[in-house]
Amino acid sequence: MKTYGQFCPLAQATQLLCERWTLIIVRELMAGSTRFSELQRGTPLLSPTLLSTRLKQLVNAGVVVMHEARPNPTYHLTPAGQALRPIIEHLGIWGHHWAGSRLNDGDLDAGLLMWDMRRSVDAQVFPQRRVVVQFEYPDAPAGARDWWLVSESGEIDLCLHDNGYEVDILIRCSLRTMTEIWTCRRPFSDAVRSRDIDVKGDSKLAGRLQDWLRTSALSGLGAQSESRSADEATH
């Protein structure tokens, strides 16, 4: 790891945390990922070798602790790592307000979107029986166009292949539309009214979709911050 050669605390912090992918890995750990495979799901463009290197750096710095477990070890934030939470949240708020006004095609990733959705949805909104929500993204790459979120007994499962369960709700829209909804760039109801998203199936369950799809955590914080700023500007 290259250093700035400075004793300044900011330099000491940034030479560790501003290595490429480091803060994204911390974000994934904060979101609940603990295993190497889970971290890979949240960082699909990061090679396993570089992920391993970054984790070792974070462990050596006392930001992450590795617990030996069979068949695979788990990774957890230390108190030093948890202390990064407000920094990550404020960077997310800043990014939502200043850096995320336009999504490029290269920023759209169905797998990452659905993985983030799978760990963020509120399963308690739906009944304890199995509820299956199918997503269709006609513009996504082949092999990433159809997804199934399965809620059962308070647990959420994500499937890329049809498991044969009866579908309760079918959501069809472009990958960009769902990404804009998930990152709080566009209200779900607005996309429905403009017919950019098509929802079919059980009307009662569909009526609770907005409660179930709670949007990305960091994007939600950014949207709340913008709303507070707008309120303050009008008073």
Protein backbone atom coordinates (compact mmCIF):
# COMPACT_ATOMS: atom_id res chain seq x y z
CA MET A 1 0.00 0.00 0.00
CA LYS A 2 1.41 3.38 -1.01
CA THR A 3 1.60 6.06 1.64
CA TYR A 4 1.53 9.85 1.54
CA GLY A 5 4.54 10.05 3.84
CA GLN A 6 2.66 12.41 6.16
CA PHE A 7 1.84 12.22 9.86
CA CYS A 8 -1.47 14.10 9.32
CA PRO A 9 -4.37 11.93 10.64
CA LEU A 10 -6.33 12.60 7.44
CA ALA A 11 -3.43 11.32 5.35
CA GLN A 12 -3.08 8.28 7.60
CA ALA A 13 -6.80 7.51 7.26
CA THR A 14 -7.14 8.10 3.53
CA GLN A 15 -4.09 6.06 2.58
CA LEU A 16 -5.93 3.07 4.04
CA LEU A 17 -9.56 3.82 3.26
CA CYS A 18 -9.18 5.40 -0.18
CA GLU A 19 -7.58 2.37 -1.77
CA ARG A 20 -9.84 1.27 -4.63
CA TRP A 21 -12.78 -0.88 -3.41
CA THR A 22 -11.96 -0.53 0.29
CA LEU A 23 -14.95 1.61 1.28
CA ILE A 24 -17.25 -0.49 -0.90
CA ILE A 25 -16.17 -3.56 1.06
CA VAL A 26 -16.84 -1.70 4.32
CA ARG A 27 -20.27 -0.78 2.94
CA GLU A 28 -21.02 -4.45 2.28
CA LEU A 29 -19.93 -5.45 5.78
CA MET A 30 -22.19 -2.75 7.23
CA ALA A 31 -25.05 -4.11 5.13
CA GLY A 32 -24.71 -7.50 6.77
CA SER A 33 -22.41 -9.49 4.49
CA THR A 34 -19.99 -11.63 6.49
CA ARG A 35 -18.75 -14.34 4.14
CA PHE A 36 -16.37 -14.00 1.24
CA SER A 37 -19.03 -15.20 -1.21
CA GLU A 38 -21.50 -12.60 0.09
CA LEU A 39 -18.92 -9.85 -0.30
CA GLN A 40 -18.37 -11.02 -3.87
CA ARG A 41 -22.10 -10.72 -4.59
CA GLY A 42 -21.98 -7.07 -3.55
CA THR A 43 -18.79 -6.34 -5.51
CA PRO A 44 -19.26 -8.26 -8.77
CA LEU A 45 -16.48 -6.41 -10.66
CA LEU A 46 -13.90 -6.98 -7.92
CA SER A 47 -11.59 -9.93 -8.48
CA PRO A 48 -11.33 -12.53 -5.70
CA THR A 49 -7.60 -11.83 -5.44
CA LEU A 50 -8.06 -8.11 -4.88
CA LEU A 51 -10.96 -8.71 -2.48
CA SER A 52 -8.71 -10.99 -0.44
CA THR A 53 -5.95 -8.37 -0.47
CA ARG A 54 -8.26 -5.58 0.69
CA LEU A 55 -9.69 -7.74 3.48
CA LYS A 56 -6.19 -8.55 4.72
CA GLN A 57 -5.34 -4.83 4.73
CA LEU A 58 -8.47 -4.05 6.73
CA VAL A 59 -7.74 -6.89 9.17
CA ASN A 60 -4.15 -5.69 9.64
CA ALA A 61 -5.42 -2.15 10.23
CA GLY A 62 -7.83 -3.33 12.94
CA VAL A 63 -10.92 -2.31 10.96
CA VAL A 64 -12.09 -5.88 10.31
CA VAL A 65 -11.70 -9.08 12.29
CA MET A 66 -11.72 -12.52 10.67
CA HIS A 67 -13.39 -15.35 12.59
CA GLU A 68 -12.32 -18.85 11.65
CA ALA A 69 -15.37 -20.95 10.86
CA ARG A 70 -16.12 -24.07 8.87
CA PRO A 71 -16.40 -24.36 5.97
CA ASN A 72 -15.47 -20.67 5.46
CA PRO A 73 -14.28 -17.85 7.71
CA THR A 74 -16.47 -14.85 8.40
CA TYR A 75 -15.54 -11.17 8.48
CA HIS A 76 -16.90 -8.56 10.88
CA LEU A 77 -16.29 -4.91 11.57
CA THR A 78 -14.41 -4.08 14.75
CA PRO A 79 -15.34 -1.02 16.85
CA ALA A 80 -12.96 0.91 14.59
CA GLY A 81 -14.87 -0.36 11.57
CA GLN A 82 -18.25 0.44 13.10
CA ALA A 83 -17.01 3.97 13.76
CA LEU A 84 -16.86 4.40 9.97
CA ARG A 85 -20.66 4.11 9.67
CA PRO A 86 -21.42 7.86 9.83
CA ILE A 87 -18.61 8.50 7.33
CA ILE A 88 -20.04 5.94 4.88
CA GLU A 89 -23.54 7.32 5.38
CA HIS A 90 -22.46 10.92 4.79
CA LEU A 91 -20.51 9.93 1.68
CA GLY A 92 -23.66 8.18 0.43
CA ILE A 93 -25.71 11.30 1.12
CA TRP A 94 -23.13 13.46 -0.66
CA GLY A 95 -23.07 11.04 -3.60
CA HIS A 96 -26.87 11.01 -3.87
CA HIS A 97 -27.01 14.80 -3.90
CA TRP A 98 -23.93 15.73 -5.92
CA ALA A 99 -22.59 12.75 -7.85
CA GLY A 100 -25.59 10.58 -8.68
CA SER A 101 -27.75 12.80 -10.85
CA ARG A 102 -27.35 10.59 -13.90
CA LEU A 103 -26.88 6.84 -14.19
CA ASN A 104 -24.65 5.67 -17.02
CA ASP A 105 -25.41 2.39 -18.75
CA GLY A 106 -22.26 0.94 -17.20
CA ASP A 107 -23.66 1.64 -13.74
CA LEU A 108 -26.65 -0.66 -14.27
CA ASP A 109 -26.20 -4.17 -12.89
CA ALA A 110 -29.20 -6.46 -12.42
CA GLY A 111 -27.33 -8.85 -10.15
CA LEU A 112 -26.12 -6.13 -7.80
CA LEU A 113 -29.56 -4.49 -7.79
CA MET A 114 -31.35 -7.71 -6.90
CA TRP A 115 -28.76 -8.68 -4.27
CA ASP A 116 -29.18 -5.30 -2.58
CA MET A 117 -32.94 -5.69 -2.82
CA ARG A 118 -32.86 -9.19 -1.37
CA ARG A 119 -31.10 -8.09 1.82
CA SER A 120 -33.11 -4.88 2.22
CA VAL A 121 -36.71 -5.90 1.68
CA ASP A 122 -38.98 -6.08 4.72
CA ALA A 123 -40.34 -9.62 4.79
CA GLN A 124 -42.55 -8.80 7.77
CA VAL A 125 -44.86 -6.77 5.54
CA PHE A 126 -46.14 -9.91 3.80
CA PRO A 127 -47.92 -12.92 5.36
CA GLN A 128 -45.96 -15.87 6.72
CA ARG A 129 -46.98 -18.02 3.79
CA ARG A 130 -44.73 -18.14 0.76
CA VAL A 131 -44.93 -15.01 -1.42
CA VAL A 132 -43.13 -14.95 -4.77
CA VAL A 133 -42.37 -11.75 -6.66
CA GLN A 134 -40.97 -12.17 -10.16
CA PHE A 135 -38.99 -9.36 -11.82
CA GLU A 136 -38.55 -9.12 -15.60
CA TYR A 137 -35.95 -6.76 -17.06
CA PRO A 138 -36.21 -7.05 -20.87
CA ASP A 139 -33.19 -4.77 -21.40
CA ALA A 140 -30.85 -6.67 -19.05
CA PRO A 141 -28.15 -8.95 -20.49
CA ALA A 142 -29.14 -12.52 -21.32
CA GLY A 143 -29.13 -14.62 -18.18
CA ALA A 144 -29.99 -11.66 -15.94
CA ARG A 145 -33.46 -10.76 -17.18
CA ASP A 146 -35.63 -12.86 -14.85
CA TRP A 147 -35.38 -12.90 -11.07
CA TRP A 148 -37.53 -14.27 -8.27
CA LEU A 149 -37.66 -12.92 -4.71
CA VAL A 150 -39.24 -15.46 -2.39
CA SER A 151 -40.53 -14.42 1.03
CA GLU A 152 -41.39 -17.22 3.43
CA SER A 153 -41.52 -17.40 7.23
CA GLY A 154 -39.80 -14.04 7.57
CA GLU A 155 -36.88 -15.03 5.31
CA ILE A 156 -35.99 -13.75 1.84
CA ASP A 157 -34.43 -15.83 -0.91
CA LEU A 158 -33.23 -14.66 -4.32
CA CYS A 159 -33.41 -16.98 -7.34
CA LEU A 160 -32.12 -16.52 -10.85
CA HIS A 161 -33.86 -19.67 -12.06
CA ASP A 162 -37.54 -20.54 -11.93
CA ASN A 163 -38.09 -22.87 -8.98
CA GLY A 164 -41.62 -23.70 -10.05
CA TYR A 165 -43.39 -21.76 -7.31
CA GLU A 166 -46.61 -19.98 -8.14
CA VAL A 167 -45.89 -16.29 -8.79
CA ASP A 168 -47.97 -13.87 -6.70
CA ILE A 169 -46.72 -10.63 -8.29
CA LEU A 170 -45.02 -10.02 -11.63
CA ILE A 171 -43.08 -6.77 -12.09
CA ARG A 172 -41.94 -5.90 -15.60
CA CYS A 173 -39.86 -2.80 -16.35
CA SER A 174 -36.49 -1.69 -17.66
CA LEU A 175 -33.42 -2.22 -15.52
CA ARG A 176 -32.89 1.54 -15.50
CA THR A 177 -36.40 2.19 -14.20
CA MET A 178 -36.06 -0.21 -11.27
CA THR A 179 -32.58 1.13 -10.49
CA GLU A 180 -33.92 4.68 -10.42
CA ILE A 181 -36.72 3.57 -8.07
CA TRP A 182 -34.35 1.66 -5.81
CA THR A 183 -31.91 4.57 -5.55
CA CYS A 184 -34.71 7.07 -4.77
CA ARG A 185 -34.30 8.91 -8.05
CA ARG A 186 -37.89 8.18 -8.98
CA PRO A 187 -41.04 7.32 -6.98
CA PHE A 188 -42.50 3.88 -7.58
CA SER A 189 -45.98 5.37 -8.01
CA ASP A 190 -44.71 7.78 -10.69
CA ALA A 191 -43.27 4.91 -12.73
CA VAL A 192 -46.57 3.03 -12.46
CA ARG A 193 -48.61 6.06 -13.56
CA SER A 194 -46.36 6.64 -16.56
CA ARG A 195 -46.59 2.92 -17.42
CA ASP A 196 -42.82 2.52 -17.26
CA ILE A 197 -43.43 -0.30 -14.83
CA ASP A 198 -46.11 -2.97 -15.09
CA VAL A 199 -47.31 -4.78 -11.97
CA LYS A 200 -49.60 -7.79 -12.27
CA GLY A 201 -50.95 -10.31 -9.80
CA ASP A 202 -52.51 -10.26 -6.34
CA SER A 203 -53.83 -6.70 -5.92
CA LYS A 204 -53.68 -6.76 -2.11
CA LEU A 205 -50.06 -7.89 -2.08
CA ALA A 206 -49.17 -5.50 -4.88
CA GLY A 207 -50.63 -2.66 -2.84
CA ARG A 208 -47.97 -3.29 -0.20
CA LEU A 209 -45.04 -3.43 -2.59
CA GLN A 210 -43.85 0.05 -1.65
CA ASP A 211 -43.71 -1.03 1.98
CA TRP A 212 -41.77 -4.15 1.02
CA LEU A 213 -39.31 -2.54 -1.39
CA ARG A 214 -37.82 -0.05 1.03
CA THR A 215 -35.15 1.27 -1.39
CA SER A 216 -31.40 1.26 -0.97
CA ALA A 217 -30.35 2.24 2.56
CA LEU A 218 -27.76 4.84 1.54
CA SER A 219 -29.97 6.25 -1.20
CA GLY A 220 -32.80 6.52 1.30
CA LEU A 221 -30.59 8.57 3.61
CA GLY A 222 -29.67 10.81 0.68
CA ALA A 223 -33.30 11.34 -0.25
CA GLN A 224 -34.20 12.16 3.37
CA SER A 225 -31.37 14.67 3.54
CA GLU A 226 -32.52 16.38 0.34
CA SER A 227 -36.09 16.51 1.66
CA ARG A 228 -34.94 18.16 4.91
CA SER A 229 -32.85 20.68 2.95
CA ALA A 230 -35.84 21.55 0.78
CA ASP A 231 -38.05 22.01 3.86
CA GLU A 232 -35.47 24.27 5.50
CA ALA A 233 -35.19 26.36 2.33
CA THR A 234 -38.92 27.05 2.34
CA HIS A 235 -39.00 28.23 5.95
